[in-house]
């Protein structure tokens, strides 16, 4: 599994663990729920600045999100 797929899987995993739906996370970081969906499906890559915001909102380290 490559980094893109690992991050996609982890966004969904950590979002669910935080008890958030895609709409909740989207509202917290200022994107659409469609963007969250596309990241989780691996359709689009998330930029590093947004990934850091996602990690902050989900209380997850960047290392954990990237699978290091």
N, C-alpha and C. Protein backbone atom coordinates (compact mmCIF):
# COMPACT_ATOMS: atom_id res chain seq x y z
N UNK A 1 0.85 -1.18 0.00
CA UNK A 1 0.00 0.00 0.00
C UNK A 1 0.90 1.24 0.00
N UNK A 2 0.64 2.15 -0.92
CA UNK A 2 1.41 3.39 -1.00
C UNK A 2 0.94 4.42 0.01
N UNK A 3 1.66 5.52 0.07
CA UNK A 3 1.32 6.56 1.04
C UNK A 3 -0.06 7.16 0.80
N UNK A 4 -0.42 7.37 -0.47
CA UNK A 4 -1.72 7.95 -0.78
C UNK A 4 -2.84 7.06 -0.25
N UNK A 5 -2.72 5.76 -0.47
CA UNK A 5 -3.74 4.83 0.00
C UNK A 5 -3.75 4.74 1.52
N UNK A 6 -2.57 4.77 2.13
CA UNK A 6 -2.49 4.68 3.59
C UNK A 6 -3.14 5.89 4.24
N UNK A 7 -2.83 7.08 3.71
CA UNK A 7 -3.43 8.30 4.25
C UNK A 7 -4.94 8.28 4.04
N UNK A 8 -5.39 7.87 2.87
CA UNK A 8 -6.83 7.80 2.58
C UNK A 8 -7.53 6.90 3.60
N UNK A 9 -6.97 5.74 3.84
CA UNK A 9 -7.53 4.79 4.80
C UNK A 9 -7.53 5.36 6.21
N UNK A 10 -6.44 6.02 6.57
CA UNK A 10 -6.32 6.55 7.93
C UNK A 10 -7.21 7.75 8.19
N UNK A 11 -7.44 8.59 7.18
CA UNK A 11 -8.38 9.70 7.39
C UNK A 11 -9.74 9.13 7.81
N UNK A 12 -10.19 8.15 7.07
CA UNK A 12 -11.50 7.54 7.40
C UNK A 12 -11.47 6.87 8.77
N UNK A 13 -10.42 6.11 9.02
CA UNK A 13 -10.32 5.39 10.29
C UNK A 13 -10.32 6.33 11.49
N UNK A 14 -9.48 7.35 11.44
CA UNK A 14 -9.40 8.28 12.57
C UNK A 14 -10.62 9.18 12.67
N UNK A 15 -11.24 9.51 11.53
CA UNK A 15 -12.47 10.30 11.57
C UNK A 15 -13.57 9.51 12.26
N UNK A 16 -13.72 8.24 11.89
CA UNK A 16 -14.72 7.39 12.53
C UNK A 16 -14.43 7.21 14.01
N UNK A 17 -13.16 7.04 14.36
CA UNK A 17 -12.78 6.87 15.77
C UNK A 17 -13.11 8.11 16.58
N UNK A 18 -13.08 9.27 15.93
CA UNK A 18 -13.40 10.53 16.60
C UNK A 18 -14.91 10.77 16.67
N UNK A 19 -15.69 9.87 16.07
CA UNK A 19 -17.14 10.00 16.09
C UNK A 19 -17.66 11.09 15.17
N UNK A 20 -16.91 11.40 14.13
CA UNK A 20 -17.32 12.44 13.19
C UNK A 20 -17.76 11.81 11.87
N UNK A 21 -18.73 12.47 11.23
CA UNK A 21 -19.04 12.08 9.86
C UNK A 21 -18.26 13.01 8.92
N UNK A 22 -18.34 12.77 7.65
CA UNK A 22 -17.57 13.57 6.69
C UNK A 22 -17.96 15.04 6.75
N UNK A 23 -19.24 15.29 6.94
CA UNK A 23 -19.72 16.68 7.02
C UNK A 23 -19.13 17.41 8.22
N UNK A 24 -19.04 16.71 9.37
CA UNK A 24 -18.48 17.32 10.58
C UNK A 24 -17.03 17.74 10.36
N UNK A 25 -16.24 16.81 9.83
CA UNK A 25 -14.82 17.11 9.61
C UNK A 25 -14.66 18.21 8.57
N UNK A 26 -15.44 18.15 7.53
CA UNK A 26 -15.37 19.17 6.48
C UNK A 26 -15.62 20.56 7.04
N UNK A 27 -16.64 20.68 7.89
CA UNK A 27 -16.97 21.98 8.48
C UNK A 27 -15.83 22.49 9.36
N UNK A 28 -15.18 21.60 10.07
CA UNK A 28 -14.10 22.00 10.98
C UNK A 28 -12.86 22.49 10.23
N UNK A 29 -12.60 21.95 9.03
CA UNK A 29 -11.39 22.34 8.32
C UNK A 29 -11.66 23.24 7.12
N UNK A 30 -12.93 23.54 6.86
CA UNK A 30 -13.27 24.49 5.81
C UNK A 30 -13.22 23.96 4.39
N UNK A 31 -13.63 22.70 4.22
CA UNK A 31 -13.73 22.10 2.88
C UNK A 31 -15.11 21.49 2.74
N UNK A 32 -15.41 20.96 1.57
CA UNK A 32 -16.70 20.30 1.37
C UNK A 32 -16.63 18.84 1.84
N UNK A 33 -17.78 18.28 2.13
CA UNK A 33 -17.81 16.86 2.48
C UNK A 33 -17.40 16.01 1.29
N UNK A 34 -17.62 16.52 0.08
CA UNK A 34 -17.18 15.82 -1.12
C UNK A 34 -15.66 15.70 -1.18
N UNK A 35 -14.96 16.72 -0.70
CA UNK A 35 -13.50 16.66 -0.66
C UNK A 35 -13.04 15.56 0.29
N UNK A 36 -13.69 15.47 1.45
CA UNK A 36 -13.35 14.42 2.42
C UNK A 36 -13.58 13.05 1.78
N UNK A 37 -14.72 12.90 1.13
CA UNK A 37 -15.06 11.64 0.47
C UNK A 37 -14.00 11.26 -0.56
N UNK A 38 -13.60 12.23 -1.37
CA UNK A 38 -12.60 11.95 -2.40
C UNK A 38 -11.25 11.59 -1.80
N UNK A 39 -10.86 12.21 -0.70
CA UNK A 39 -9.60 11.84 -0.05
C UNK A 39 -9.68 10.42 0.49
N UNK A 40 -10.80 10.11 1.14
CA UNK A 40 -10.94 8.78 1.75
C UNK A 40 -11.01 7.67 0.70
N UNK A 41 -11.52 7.97 -0.47
CA UNK A 41 -11.58 6.98 -1.55
C UNK A 41 -10.27 6.92 -2.33
N UNK A 42 -9.37 7.88 -2.07
CA UNK A 42 -8.11 7.92 -2.81
C UNK A 42 -8.25 8.53 -4.19
N UNK A 43 -9.38 9.19 -4.46
CA UNK A 43 -9.59 9.83 -5.76
C UNK A 43 -8.72 11.07 -5.92
N UNK A 44 -8.53 11.81 -4.84
CA UNK A 44 -7.72 13.02 -4.84
C UNK A 44 -6.71 12.94 -3.70
N UNK A 45 -5.59 13.59 -3.90
CA UNK A 45 -4.59 13.68 -2.83
C UNK A 45 -4.85 14.93 -2.00
N UNK A 46 -4.60 14.83 -0.73
CA UNK A 46 -4.76 15.95 0.18
C UNK A 46 -3.43 16.71 0.25
N UNK A 47 -3.48 18.04 0.25
CA UNK A 47 -2.24 18.80 0.36
C UNK A 47 -1.78 18.81 1.82
N UNK A 48 -0.51 19.06 2.02
CA UNK A 48 0.09 18.92 3.35
C UNK A 48 -0.52 19.88 4.36
N UNK A 49 -0.82 21.11 3.97
CA UNK A 49 -1.41 22.06 4.92
C UNK A 49 -2.77 21.57 5.41
N UNK A 50 -3.56 21.05 4.51
CA UNK A 50 -4.88 20.54 4.88
C UNK A 50 -4.74 19.26 5.71
N UNK A 51 -3.79 18.42 5.36
CA UNK A 51 -3.57 17.20 6.14
C UNK A 51 -3.20 17.53 7.58
N UNK A 52 -2.39 18.56 7.77
CA UNK A 52 -2.03 18.97 9.13
C UNK A 52 -3.28 19.44 9.88
N UNK A 53 -4.16 20.18 9.22
CA UNK A 53 -5.41 20.60 9.87
C UNK A 53 -6.29 19.41 10.22
N UNK A 54 -6.36 18.42 9.32
CA UNK A 54 -7.13 17.20 9.60
C UNK A 54 -6.56 16.50 10.83
N UNK A 55 -5.25 16.37 10.87
CA UNK A 55 -4.60 15.72 12.03
C UNK A 55 -4.93 16.47 13.31
N UNK A 56 -4.87 17.80 13.26
CA UNK A 56 -5.17 18.62 14.44
C UNK A 56 -6.60 18.36 14.91
N UNK A 57 -7.55 18.40 14.00
CA UNK A 57 -8.96 18.22 14.38
C UNK A 57 -9.24 16.81 14.89
N UNK A 58 -8.52 15.82 14.37
CA UNK A 58 -8.74 14.44 14.80
C UNK A 58 -7.82 14.03 15.95
N UNK A 59 -6.97 14.97 16.38
CA UNK A 59 -6.05 14.71 17.49
C UNK A 59 -5.15 13.51 17.20
N UNK A 60 -4.56 13.52 16.00
CA UNK A 60 -3.70 12.44 15.52
C UNK A 60 -2.39 13.05 15.04
N UNK A 61 -1.29 12.41 15.30
CA UNK A 61 -0.02 12.94 14.81
C UNK A 61 0.08 12.72 13.30
N UNK A 62 0.88 13.54 12.68
CA UNK A 62 1.12 13.40 11.25
C UNK A 62 1.79 12.06 10.96
N UNK A 63 2.68 11.63 11.84
CA UNK A 63 3.33 10.32 11.69
C UNK A 63 2.30 9.20 11.68
N UNK A 64 1.37 9.25 12.64
CA UNK A 64 0.34 8.21 12.69
C UNK A 64 -0.55 8.23 11.45
N UNK A 65 -0.92 9.44 11.01
CA UNK A 65 -1.79 9.56 9.84
C UNK A 65 -1.10 8.99 8.60
N UNK A 66 0.22 9.19 8.50
CA UNK A 66 0.96 8.72 7.34
C UNK A 66 1.39 7.26 7.48
N UNK A 67 1.18 6.68 8.65
CA UNK A 67 1.51 5.28 8.85
C UNK A 67 2.96 4.99 9.16
N UNK A 68 3.66 6.02 9.71
CA UNK A 68 5.06 5.81 10.07
C UNK A 68 5.19 5.11 11.40
